Protein backbone atom coordinates (compact mmCIF):
# COMPACT_ATOMS: atom_id res chain seq x y z
CA LEU A 1 252.55 147.66 91.98
CA LEU A 2 249.06 148.86 92.88
CA LYS A 3 249.46 151.85 90.57
CA LEU A 4 250.54 149.54 87.77
CA ILE A 5 247.61 147.18 88.29
CA LYS A 6 245.17 150.09 88.29
CA HIS A 7 246.13 150.82 84.69
CA LEU A 8 245.98 147.23 83.44
CA PRO A 9 243.28 146.60 80.79
CA ALA A 10 241.72 143.91 82.99
CA THR A 11 241.42 146.39 85.87
CA GLN A 12 239.88 149.06 83.68
CA PHE A 13 237.48 146.49 82.23
CA SER A 14 236.56 145.42 85.76
CA LEU A 15 235.82 149.01 86.73
CA CYS A 16 233.63 149.51 83.68
CA CYS A 17 231.70 146.32 84.49
CA ILE A 18 231.22 147.34 88.12
CA ASP A 19 230.08 150.83 87.11
CA PHE A 20 227.69 149.40 84.53
CA PHE A 21 226.13 146.54 86.51
CA THR A 22 226.08 148.02 90.00
CA ALA A 23 225.67 151.23 91.90
CA GLY A 24 228.68 150.77 94.11
CA PRO A 25 230.87 153.20 96.04
CA SER A 26 232.86 156.05 94.58
CA ARG A 27 235.21 155.33 91.70
CA MET A 28 238.32 155.98 93.78
CA GLU A 29 237.28 153.44 96.43
CA ALA A 30 236.24 150.93 93.78
CA GLN A 31 239.53 151.44 91.94
CA HIS A 32 241.54 150.62 95.04
CA GLY A 33 239.37 147.59 95.82
CA VAL A 34 239.57 146.27 92.26
CA ALA A 35 243.34 146.75 92.17
CA THR A 36 243.79 144.89 95.44
CA ILE A 37 241.55 142.01 94.41
CA THR A 38 243.12 141.87 90.95
CA MET A 39 246.57 141.57 92.49
CA ALA A 40 245.38 138.82 94.86
CA VAL A 41 243.62 136.88 92.09
CA THR A 42 246.57 137.26 89.73
CA SER A 43 248.91 136.01 92.43
CA ALA A 44 246.63 133.03 93.13
CA VAL A 45 246.39 132.14 89.42
CA LEU A 46 250.18 132.41 89.05
CA LYS A 47 250.72 130.12 92.05
CA ILE A 48 248.46 127.52 90.52
CA GLY A 49 250.04 128.06 87.12
CA LEU A 50 253.53 127.36 88.48
CA LEU A 51 252.34 124.11 90.06
CA VAL A 52 250.71 123.10 86.79
CA ALA A 53 253.95 123.95 85.00
CA VAL A 54 255.79 121.53 87.30
CA GLY A 55 253.38 118.78 86.23
CA ILE A 56 253.87 119.68 82.57
CA LYS A 57 257.64 119.53 82.97
CA LEU A 58 257.49 116.16 84.71
CA GLU A 59 255.20 114.78 82.00
CA LEU A 60 257.45 116.01 79.22
CA LYS A 61 260.45 114.44 80.98
CA LYS A 62 258.51 111.14 81.11
CA MET A 63 258.60 111.16 84.91
CA LEU A 64 254.78 111.18 85.03
CA ASP A 65 252.49 108.76 83.26
CA GLY A 66 248.99 107.37 83.72
CA PRO A 67 249.62 105.19 86.80
CA LYS A 68 251.74 107.85 88.51
CA ARG A 69 249.18 110.59 87.87
CA LYS A 70 246.50 108.23 89.12
CA CYS A 71 248.50 107.79 92.33
CA LEU A 72 248.88 111.56 92.78
CA SER A 73 245.19 112.19 92.11
CA ALA A 74 244.09 109.37 94.41
CA LEU A 75 246.22 110.73 97.25
CA ALA A 76 244.95 114.25 96.62
CA MET A 77 241.23 113.43 96.33
CA ASP A 78 240.83 110.54 98.77
CA ILE A 79 243.30 111.56 101.48
CA CYS A 80 244.63 115.12 101.25
CA LEU A 81 241.36 116.91 100.37
CA PRO A 82 239.32 115.22 103.14
CA CYS A 83 242.09 116.04 105.62
CA LEU A 84 242.22 119.66 104.42
CA LEU A 85 238.45 120.13 104.78
CA PHE A 86 238.31 118.33 108.13
CA SER A 87 241.14 120.39 109.64
CA ASP A 88 239.59 123.64 108.35
CA VAL A 89 235.97 122.93 109.27
CA LEU A 90 236.36 121.37 112.73
CA PRO A 91 237.82 124.43 114.52
CA GLU A 92 235.01 126.63 113.18
CA ALA A 93 232.11 124.17 113.25
CA ASN A 94 229.21 125.21 115.47
CA GLY A 95 225.52 125.98 115.21
CA GLU A 96 226.22 129.52 114.05
CA LEU A 97 227.88 128.19 110.88
CA ILE A 98 224.64 126.67 109.59
CA LYS A 99 222.76 129.85 110.50
CA GLU A 100 225.21 132.10 108.65
CA GLY A 101 226.01 129.81 105.72
CA GLY A 102 222.87 127.70 105.36
CA LEU A 103 221.92 129.51 102.14
CA LEU A 104 224.96 127.96 100.46
CA LEU A 105 223.42 124.49 100.84
CA LEU A 106 220.92 125.60 98.18
CA TRP A 107 223.54 127.29 96.01
CA PRO A 108 224.22 124.23 93.77
CA PHE A 109 220.54 124.19 92.79
CA LEU A 110 220.81 127.85 91.77
CA TYR A 111 223.92 127.69 89.61
CA ALA A 112 222.89 124.34 88.10
CA ILE A 113 219.51 125.73 86.96
CA VAL A 114 221.04 128.98 85.70
CA GLY A 115 223.83 127.14 83.90
CA CYS A 116 221.48 124.61 82.33
CA LEU A 117 219.20 127.32 80.93
CA LEU A 118 222.08 129.44 79.64
CA GLY A 119 223.72 126.39 78.09
CA VAL A 120 220.56 125.52 76.18
CA VAL A 121 220.13 129.11 74.94
CA CYS A 122 223.75 129.54 73.84
CA CYS A 123 223.88 126.19 72.08
CA LEU A 124 220.60 126.84 70.27
CA LEU A 125 222.05 130.14 69.03
CA VAL A 126 224.94 128.30 67.36
CA GLY A 127 222.61 125.77 65.76
CA THR A 128 223.02 122.74 68.01
CA PRO A 129 220.37 120.11 67.20
CA MET A 130 217.84 119.39 69.92
CA GLN A 131 219.07 115.85 70.52
CA HIS A 132 222.48 117.14 71.62
CA LEU A 133 221.37 119.82 74.07
CA GLY A 134 221.55 117.55 77.11
CA ALA A 135 225.32 117.10 77.01
CA ALA A 136 225.86 120.81 76.38
CA ALA A 137 223.51 121.80 79.22
CA ALA A 138 225.18 119.38 81.64
CA CYS A 139 228.62 120.85 80.85
CA VAL A 140 227.36 124.33 81.69
CA ALA A 141 225.30 123.32 84.72
CA PHE A 142 228.00 121.57 86.75
CA PRO A 143 231.27 123.38 87.55
CA ASN A 144 234.36 122.04 89.26
CA VAL A 145 233.85 122.33 93.04
CA ASN A 146 236.91 120.52 94.40
CA GLY A 147 240.21 121.06 92.61
CA PHE A 148 240.04 124.61 91.25
CA PRO A 149 237.95 126.37 93.95
CA VAL A 150 239.92 124.84 96.84
CA SER A 151 243.20 125.74 95.15
CA ILE A 152 242.11 129.31 94.40
CA ILE A 153 240.72 129.97 97.88
CA ALA A 154 243.86 128.48 99.45
CA ALA A 155 246.04 130.64 97.17
CA LEU A 156 244.03 133.81 97.95
CA GLY A 157 244.74 133.29 101.65
CA SER A 158 244.24 136.42 103.75
CA ALA A 159 242.90 138.41 100.80
CA ILE A 160 239.50 137.02 101.87
CA PRO A 161 239.25 137.63 105.62
CA LYS A 162 237.22 135.51 108.00
CA SER A 163 233.72 136.59 108.90
CA SER A 164 232.93 138.36 112.16
CA HIS A 165 231.96 134.98 113.62
CA GLY A 166 235.32 133.51 112.66
CA PHE A 167 234.29 131.49 109.58
CA SER A 168 236.75 131.20 106.70
CA PRO A 169 235.84 130.99 102.99
CA MET A 170 237.08 127.38 102.89
CA VAL A 171 234.44 126.42 105.46
CA PHE A 172 231.70 128.13 103.44
CA LEU A 173 232.98 126.31 100.34
CA ALA A 174 232.62 123.02 102.22
CA LEU A 175 228.89 123.73 102.62
CA ILE A 176 228.53 124.08 98.85
CA GLN A 177 230.36 120.79 98.34
CA LEU A 178 227.90 119.00 100.63
CA THR A 179 224.95 119.40 98.27
CA ASP A 180 226.73 119.80 94.92
CA GLY A 181 227.09 116.04 94.55
CA LEU A 182 223.43 115.53 95.43
CA VAL A 183 222.48 117.65 92.42
CA LYS A 184 225.25 116.56 90.06
CA TYR A 185 224.91 112.81 90.46
CA THR A 186 221.13 112.69 90.32
CA VAL A 187 220.33 115.29 87.66
CA GLY A 188 223.50 114.79 85.59
CA PRO A 189 222.85 111.22 84.40
CA ALA A 190 219.22 112.11 83.71
CA ILE A 191 220.33 114.96 81.42
CA PHE A 192 222.66 112.69 79.48
CA LYS A 193 219.94 110.03 79.21
CA ARG A 194 217.65 112.70 77.80
CA ASP A 195 219.92 112.88 74.75
CA LEU A 196 219.76 109.13 74.29
CA ALA A 197 215.97 109.17 74.38
CA ALA A 198 215.87 112.06 71.88
CA ILE A 199 218.28 110.27 69.54
CA ARG A 200 216.21 107.08 69.69
CA ALA A 201 213.09 109.03 68.81
CA ALA A 202 214.83 110.88 65.96
CA ARG A 203 216.25 107.70 64.47
CA GLU A 204 212.90 105.90 64.67
CA LYS A 205 211.23 108.85 63.00
CA ARG A 206 213.62 108.81 60.05
CA GLY A 207 213.57 105.01 59.75
CA GLU A 208 217.09 104.40 61.08
CA ALA A 209 219.45 104.72 58.14
CA GLY A 210 222.16 102.68 59.87
CA PRO A 211 225.51 103.39 61.48
CA ASP A 212 226.72 105.65 58.66
CA ASP A 213 223.85 108.06 59.28
CA HIS A 214 225.19 110.63 61.73
CA GLY A 215 222.18 112.93 61.75
CA ASP A 216 222.15 116.67 61.22
CA LEU A 217 225.33 117.26 63.22
CA PRO A 218 228.14 114.70 62.94
CA LEU A 219 228.83 114.24 66.62
CA GLY A 220 229.26 110.57 65.94
CA ALA A 221 228.72 107.44 67.94
CA SER A 222 229.79 109.18 71.12
CA LEU A 223 226.22 110.44 71.37
CA ARG A 224 224.61 107.14 70.39
CA THR A 225 226.42 104.50 72.41
CA ILE A 226 223.46 103.00 74.23
CA SER A 227 220.81 103.93 71.67
CA VAL A 228 221.46 100.73 69.70
CA GLY A 229 223.30 98.74 72.34
CA SER A 230 226.94 98.15 73.08
CA PHE A 231 229.08 95.47 74.60
CA ARG A 232 232.58 95.12 75.90
CA LYS A 233 235.50 93.77 73.97
CA ASN A 234 237.20 93.16 77.30
CA SER A 235 236.67 94.08 80.92
CA GLY A 236 237.50 97.75 80.45
CA ASP A 237 236.45 98.87 76.97
CA ILE A 238 233.01 99.81 75.69
CA VAL A 239 232.55 99.20 71.98
CA ASP A 240 230.08 101.41 70.12
CA LEU A 241 227.95 99.64 67.56
CA ASP A 242 227.47 102.93 65.66
CA ALA A 243 231.21 103.59 65.47
CA ALA A 244 231.53 101.08 62.68
CA THR A 245 233.78 100.83 59.67
CA PRO A 246 233.10 98.90 56.47
CA ASN A 247 236.02 96.49 57.07
CA ALA A 248 234.70 95.22 60.36
CA ALA A 249 233.11 91.99 59.24
CA ALA A 250 236.36 90.04 59.36
CA GLU A 251 237.40 91.59 62.68
CA ALA A 252 234.15 91.17 64.57
CA PRO A 253 233.15 87.94 66.28
CA ALA A 254 229.82 86.39 65.51
CA LEU A 255 227.23 88.73 66.96
CA THR A 256 224.53 86.45 68.29
CA ALA A 257 221.98 86.72 71.04
CA ALA A 258 224.10 84.33 73.09
CA ASN A 259 227.15 86.57 72.76
CA LEU A 260 225.14 89.60 73.76
CA ALA A 261 223.74 87.77 76.76
CA LYS A 262 227.27 87.05 77.90
CA ALA A 263 228.27 90.70 77.62
CA THR A 264 228.83 92.59 80.83
CA GLY A 265 225.57 93.88 82.27
CA PRO A 266 224.75 97.59 82.08
CA ALA A 267 226.74 98.16 78.87
CA VAL A 268 224.13 96.16 76.90
CA ASP A 269 220.68 97.34 75.93
CA LEU A 270 218.89 94.09 75.05
CA SER A 271 215.64 95.89 74.33
CA VAL A 272 216.94 97.13 70.96
CA ASP A 273 217.23 94.83 67.96
CA LEU A 274 220.35 94.94 65.84
CA THR A 275 219.97 95.33 62.10
CA ALA A 276 221.91 93.25 59.60
CA SER A 277 223.75 96.39 58.48
CA MET A 278 225.00 96.96 62.02
CA LYS A 279 226.20 93.38 62.30
CA GLU A 280 228.06 93.64 59.02
CA LYS A 281 229.71 96.95 59.86
CA LEU A 282 230.49 96.26 63.49
CA SER A 283 234.09 97.00 64.45
CA PHE A 284 236.20 97.66 67.49
CA SER A 285 237.82 100.83 66.15
CA GLY A 286 235.96 102.87 68.76
CA LYS A 287 236.13 106.06 66.66
CA THR A 288 233.46 108.70 66.62
CA ALA A 289 232.38 110.49 63.48
CA PHE A 290 235.04 113.09 64.31
CA GLY A 291 237.66 110.39 64.18
CA LEU A 292 238.24 110.76 67.92
CA THR A 293 239.53 107.54 69.40
CA GLU A 294 238.70 106.30 72.85
CA GLY A 295 242.10 107.49 74.03
CA GLN A 296 241.44 111.01 72.74
CA TYR A 297 238.17 111.65 74.49
CA ARG A 298 239.36 109.92 77.63
CA THR A 299 242.41 112.14 78.04
CA VAL A 300 240.10 114.72 79.61
CA GLU A 301 238.76 112.34 82.23
CA PRO A 302 240.40 112.85 85.64
CA ASP A 303 242.84 110.18 86.72
CA TRP A 304 240.89 109.80 89.98
CA SER A 305 237.41 111.28 89.85
CA ARG A 306 234.49 111.34 92.24
CA PHE A 307 233.34 108.10 90.63
CA ASP A 308 236.50 106.53 92.05
CA ALA A 309 236.34 108.38 95.39
CA GLY A 310 236.35 106.16 98.44
CA HIS A 311 237.78 103.10 96.73
CA LEU A 312 241.24 103.90 98.04
CA LEU A 313 239.99 104.03 101.63
CA TRP A 314 236.96 101.79 101.78
CA SER A 315 237.21 99.20 99.03
CA PRO A 316 237.97 95.60 100.04
CA SER A 317 241.48 94.29 99.76
CA GLY A 318 242.76 94.18 96.23
CA ARG A 319 245.01 96.10 93.91
CA LEU A 320 243.80 99.28 92.27
CA THR A 321 245.90 99.94 89.18
CA ALA A 322 245.51 101.76 85.92
CA ASN A 323 244.72 98.46 84.20
CA ASN A 324 242.29 97.40 86.88
CA PRO A 325 240.18 100.47 87.67
CA PRO A 326 237.75 100.27 90.59
CA LEU A 327 234.74 101.20 88.46
CA LYS A 328 234.07 99.49 85.15
CA GLU A 329 230.32 99.60 84.67
CA PRO A 330 227.82 102.39 84.02
CA LEU A 331 225.89 103.41 87.11
CA LEU A 332 222.49 103.45 85.44
CA PRO A 333 219.95 100.68 86.10
CA LYS A 334 219.44 98.10 83.39
CA SER A 335 216.99 98.58 80.57
CA ALA A 336 213.32 98.20 81.31
CA GLY A 337 213.13 95.89 78.32
CA GLN A 338 214.83 93.02 80.12
CA SER A 339 212.89 89.95 81.05
CA ALA A 340 212.06 89.11 84.66
CA SER A 341 214.67 86.34 84.70
CA GLN A 342 217.34 88.69 83.39
CA LYS A 343 216.47 91.35 85.98
CA LYS A 344 216.60 88.76 88.75
CA LYS A 345 219.91 87.43 87.49
CA ASN A 346 221.42 90.91 87.29
CA SER A 347 219.99 92.29 90.54
CA PRO A 348 223.33 92.17 92.40
CA THR A 349 224.79 94.50 89.78
CA VAL A 350 221.95 96.96 90.34
CA GLU A 351 222.58 96.82 94.08
CA THR A 352 226.24 97.45 93.43
CA SER A 353 225.28 100.44 91.30
CA TRP A 354 223.27 101.88 94.18
CA GLY A 355 226.26 101.36 96.44
CA GLU A 356 228.43 103.26 93.97
CA PHE A 357 225.77 105.97 93.77
CA LEU A 358 225.80 106.44 97.54
CA ARG A 359 229.60 106.62 97.49
CA GLN A 360 229.32 109.48 95.01
CA LEU A 361 226.90 111.39 97.23
CA ALA A 362 229.16 110.94 100.26
CA PRO A 363 232.76 110.60 99.05
CA PRO A 364 235.62 111.05 101.55
CA GLN A 365 235.64 114.86 101.27
CA VAL A 366 231.91 115.12 102.01
CA THR A 367 232.20 112.53 104.78
CA ALA A 368 235.05 114.53 106.31
CA VAL A 369 232.95 117.71 106.33
CA LEU A 370 229.96 115.92 107.85
CA LEU A 371 232.17 114.36 110.53
CA ALA A 372 233.72 117.73 111.34
CA LEU A 373 230.27 119.35 111.61
CA LEU A 374 229.00 116.58 113.89
CA LEU A 375 232.03 116.83 116.16
CA GLY A 376 231.94 120.62 116.16
CA MET A 377 228.24 120.91 116.94
CA GLY A 378 228.24 118.01 119.39
CA PRO A 379 229.32 118.03 123.03
CA SER A 380 232.10 120.55 123.66
CA TRP A 381 234.25 117.97 125.47
CA LEU A 382 234.28 115.77 122.37
CA LYS A 383 235.58 118.55 120.16
CA SER A 384 238.14 119.57 122.76
CA LEU A 385 239.77 116.14 122.50
CA LEU A 386 240.87 117.08 118.98
CA TYR A 387 240.98 120.86 119.06
CA ASP A 388 240.95 123.23 122.03
CA PRO A 389 242.18 126.79 121.37
CA GLU A 390 242.61 127.46 125.09
CA ILE A 391 244.98 124.54 125.55
CA VAL A 392 246.88 125.50 122.39
CA ARG A 393 247.13 129.11 123.55
CA LYS A 394 248.79 127.94 126.75
CA GLY A 395 251.29 125.85 124.79
CA GLY A 396 249.63 122.51 125.40
CA VAL A 397 248.27 119.84 123.06
CA PRO A 398 244.80 118.22 123.24
CA VAL A 399 244.63 114.51 123.98
CA LEU A 400 243.94 113.64 120.35
CA GLY A 401 245.67 116.70 118.95
CA PHE A 402 248.00 114.53 116.90
CA ILE A 403 245.02 113.63 114.68
CA MET A 404 244.45 117.30 113.83
CA GLY A 405 248.16 117.76 113.28
CA THR A 406 248.28 114.85 110.86
CA ALA A 407 245.18 116.10 109.04
CA LYS A 408 246.72 119.57 108.64
CA ALA A 409 249.97 118.12 107.33
CA LEU A 410 248.21 115.92 104.79
CA GLY A 411 245.75 118.67 103.85
CA GLY A 412 248.63 120.95 102.92
CA GLY A 413 249.57 118.56 100.15
CA PHE A 414 246.27 118.73 98.28
CA VAL A 415 246.90 121.79 96.12
CA PRO A 416 250.39 120.83 94.86
CA LEU A 417 249.47 117.18 94.26
CA GLN A 418 246.26 118.01 92.41
CA MET A 419 247.74 120.78 90.27
CA ILE A 420 250.85 118.77 89.37
CA SER A 421 248.60 115.90 88.29
CA LEU A 422 246.50 118.35 86.25
CA GLY A 423 249.64 119.67 84.56
CA GLY A 424 250.59 116.17 83.50
CA ARG A 425 247.14 115.59 82.01
CA LEU A 426 247.16 118.92 80.18
CA VAL A 427 250.10 117.75 78.08
CA ASN A 428 247.87 115.01 76.67
CA VAL A 429 244.70 117.10 76.58
CA VAL A 430 246.17 119.79 74.33
CA GLY A 431 248.41 117.45 72.34
CA ASP A 432 247.84 115.43 69.18
CA GLN A 433 246.12 112.74 71.23
CA GLY A 434 243.63 115.15 72.83
CA PRO A 435 240.03 115.89 71.80
CA LEU A 436 240.98 119.25 70.24
CA ALA A 437 243.58 117.76 67.89
CA ALA A 438 243.11 118.60 64.21
CA THR A 439 242.92 114.93 63.26
CA GLY A 440 240.08 112.66 62.38
CA GLU A 441 237.95 111.36 59.57
CA ALA A 442 235.16 113.93 59.69
CA GLY A 443 237.25 116.67 58.08
CA PRO A 444 237.61 120.32 59.12
CA ARG A 445 233.89 121.04 58.82
CA GLY A 446 232.98 118.43 61.42
CA ARG A 447 235.68 119.64 63.79
CA ARG A 448 234.61 123.27 63.36
CA ARG A 449 231.05 122.40 64.29
CA LEU A 450 232.19 120.59 67.44
CA LEU A 451 234.45 123.51 68.41
CA LYS A 452 231.58 125.93 67.82
CA ILE A 453 229.37 124.02 70.24
CA CYS A 454 232.19 123.79 72.80
CA GLY A 455 232.86 127.52 72.42
CA ALA A 456 229.21 128.24 73.23
CA VAL A 457 229.44 125.89 76.22
CA GLY A 458 232.59 127.65 77.45
CA ILE A 459 231.08 131.13 77.14
CA ALA A 460 227.95 130.05 78.98
CA ARG A 461 229.92 128.19 81.66
CA MET A 462 232.75 130.62 82.47
CA LEU A 463 231.38 134.01 81.44
CA LEU A 464 227.59 134.20 81.45
CA THR A 465 226.71 131.89 84.35
CA PRO A 466 228.94 133.56 86.99
CA PHE A 467 227.68 137.05 86.14
CA VAL A 468 224.03 135.97 86.07
CA VAL A 469 224.55 134.30 89.46
CA TYR A 470 226.20 137.51 90.67
CA GLY A 471 223.16 139.49 89.51
CA ILE A 472 220.85 137.07 91.33
CA ALA A 473 223.00 137.33 94.47
CA LEU A 474 222.86 141.13 94.26
CA THR A 475 219.07 140.98 93.92
CA ILE A 476 218.75 138.59 96.87
CA ASP A 477 220.93 140.82 99.00
CA GLN A 478 219.00 143.98 98.14
CA VAL A 479 215.53 142.47 98.44
CA PHE A 480 216.04 140.32 101.54
CA ASP A 481 218.97 142.20 103.11
CA VAL A 482 220.76 138.95 103.93
CA GLN A 483 223.83 140.73 105.40
CA LYS A 484 226.43 138.11 104.54
CA PRO A 485 230.21 138.58 104.92
CA PHE A 486 232.81 138.62 102.16
CA ALA A 487 233.96 135.12 103.21
CA PHE A 488 230.43 133.91 102.38
CA TRP A 489 230.11 135.58 98.99
CA ALA A 490 233.61 134.71 97.76
CA PRO A 491 233.08 130.92 97.40
CA ALA A 492 229.47 131.52 96.31
CA LEU A 493 230.81 133.44 93.29
CA ILE A 494 234.05 131.52 92.73
CA VAL A 495 232.34 128.15 92.20
CA PRO A 496 229.95 129.30 89.40
CA ALA A 497 232.96 130.81 87.56
CA MET A 498 234.87 127.52 87.44
CA PRO A 499 235.29 125.39 84.30
CA THR A 500 233.16 122.30 83.79
CA ALA A 501 233.82 119.51 86.28
CA ASN A 502 236.27 117.03 84.78
CA ASN A 503 234.21 114.08 85.96
CA MET A 504 231.37 115.12 83.66
CA SER A 505 233.39 113.50 80.88
CA THR A 506 233.60 110.37 83.01
CA MET A 507 229.84 110.48 83.52
CA ALA A 508 229.31 110.86 79.78
CA ASP A 509 231.54 107.86 79.19
CA LEU A 510 229.68 105.75 81.74
CA VAL A 511 226.21 106.77 80.55
CA GLY A 512 227.23 106.46 76.91
CA SER A 513 226.18 109.92 75.74
CA GLY A 514 227.91 113.22 75.05
CA ARG A 515 231.55 112.05 75.04
CA SER A 516 232.62 114.37 72.22
CA ILE A 517 231.01 117.50 73.66
CA THR A 518 232.18 116.94 77.23
CA ALA A 519 235.72 115.98 76.26
CA ALA A 520 236.29 118.87 73.86
CA GLY A 521 234.38 121.34 76.06
CA VAL A 522 236.37 120.55 79.19
CA ALA A 523 239.64 120.61 77.25
CA MET A 524 238.87 124.03 75.76
CA GLN A 525 237.98 125.47 79.16
CA LEU A 526 241.09 124.08 80.84
CA VAL A 527 243.30 125.69 78.21
CA THR A 528 241.65 129.11 78.52
CA SER A 529 240.95 129.07 82.28
CA PRO A 530 244.09 130.95 83.49
CA VAL A 531 243.30 134.09 81.50
CA VAL A 532 239.51 133.84 81.86
CA LEU A 533 239.60 133.24 85.62
CA ALA A 534 242.05 136.07 86.22
CA ILE A 535 239.54 138.48 84.65
CA THR A 536 236.22 137.06 85.85
CA LEU A 537 237.29 136.44 89.43
CA SER A 538 238.75 139.94 89.68
CA ILE A 539 235.43 141.42 88.58
CA LEU A 540 233.25 139.12 90.68
CA LEU A 541 235.26 139.41 93.89
CA ALA A 542 235.62 143.18 93.54
CA GLY A 543 231.88 143.45 92.98
CA ALA A 544 231.18 141.24 96.00
CA GLN A 545 233.57 143.25 98.13
CA ASN A 546 232.03 146.60 97.17
CA ASN A 547 228.36 145.69 96.78
CA LEU A 548 227.55 142.47 98.64
CA ALA A 549 229.82 141.99 101.64
CA ALA A 550 228.25 143.36 104.80
CA ASP A 551 231.63 143.44 106.56
CA MET A 552 233.48 145.34 103.80
CA ALA A 553 231.59 148.62 103.81
């Protein structure tokens, strides 16, 4: 099998890349290392692929639907993933972990900056207008750090050995997850809001031609939701004032200041006046200029994202169903144009938004890692109540060992639950109701321009960013001689190679900017990720093994 893999095109391509970008060991040693890593990565991708195929089969057989996938995702993200991270981090948590892996706490800042810059450059090369660069840059800057990386590292297993101090790659990955949310949920909304500000300025400059004016690039109302205000038809739906059709006058209720005042809080920008043309053409069709419906761009959104995280465990009593989601309002503060009385009246909503914001920074998986680190680096007797290798070696069980046992059992369910749920969603993402469907009112030219932007985003996200980060890591290692193990470098390079985080589409929906780009971009990357990841991860991990890992000389 090794001989076969050595002659695969992907293996030969990997060797050429390693020879070109690095000055590694001899070709024979590199060939064996690349073949071994390629086999491990291929096996990991196939494992994940089979689980996804189970989800696809269940969806096609109508055994999975929205509420059932939501249940699977909620269990995976709010229960199984925290248990997996807690049970993996606690046995290895000590002061040496921060000393050896502390650099990874800064890693999200590195790949976010690199991705943002590469996203802007690539999208400018394909002619993306300036007012749409924010959504494209955000899609490149923020990769998936929970579902895919955890699944891949778990599937790789012993192919990535523990460090000399006994730290596994899953524990190093947990350090990246600690600060990724801090970057993603502070910088991300600001990037999307940048597009809204640019669109406002562009429309003011050209005198605002009305809702039929879609600018230089017909990305539609999905990029203009808050620029002229929006309100909710019901408790769960945002209606875009730009997404109007000429027949809307009979369908729309009287649009008065009183009606707008009654609309649900953050979804309304009262600082912007509505023109008579907008009132006449207002409708609830919810279609973008591409003809994408709300259902199409929302098929990409995860059934249970980080925006929902914690509600299953910590929300007050009440039912959480598909028709009654835990989060219904954008997380951004209200417009500065509101009067003092309006701000005072709506202040509880702002406080609620800050509460939601804090939940995003410390969802259950991050809380589990922090708890494990505190217990591991605290008094030794406290940790020994849950985990004591000496007692286990003698055949005994710690006093609270049943907690660790339960956490391990639940943690083992994360990968299958998450991937099966993903498989069910993929059926809708790539189908006629997904954002890549060849349907819509904008015609083939509009769709081609959207796909061109999303192609540039995908290349920057999954090809350019990981290799630029690898080059930076190689430079850091050579200049500062950091001497880090393979278990350290593996998650550091796996995360930047991941597709765009699914919850970026949720963020775009909540902020009201970039829905088309994020939905189509994430969908395109999910479809191509098996082949792309098999190649990129083989190259990156082989390069890390031969040129970065201090324990793999």
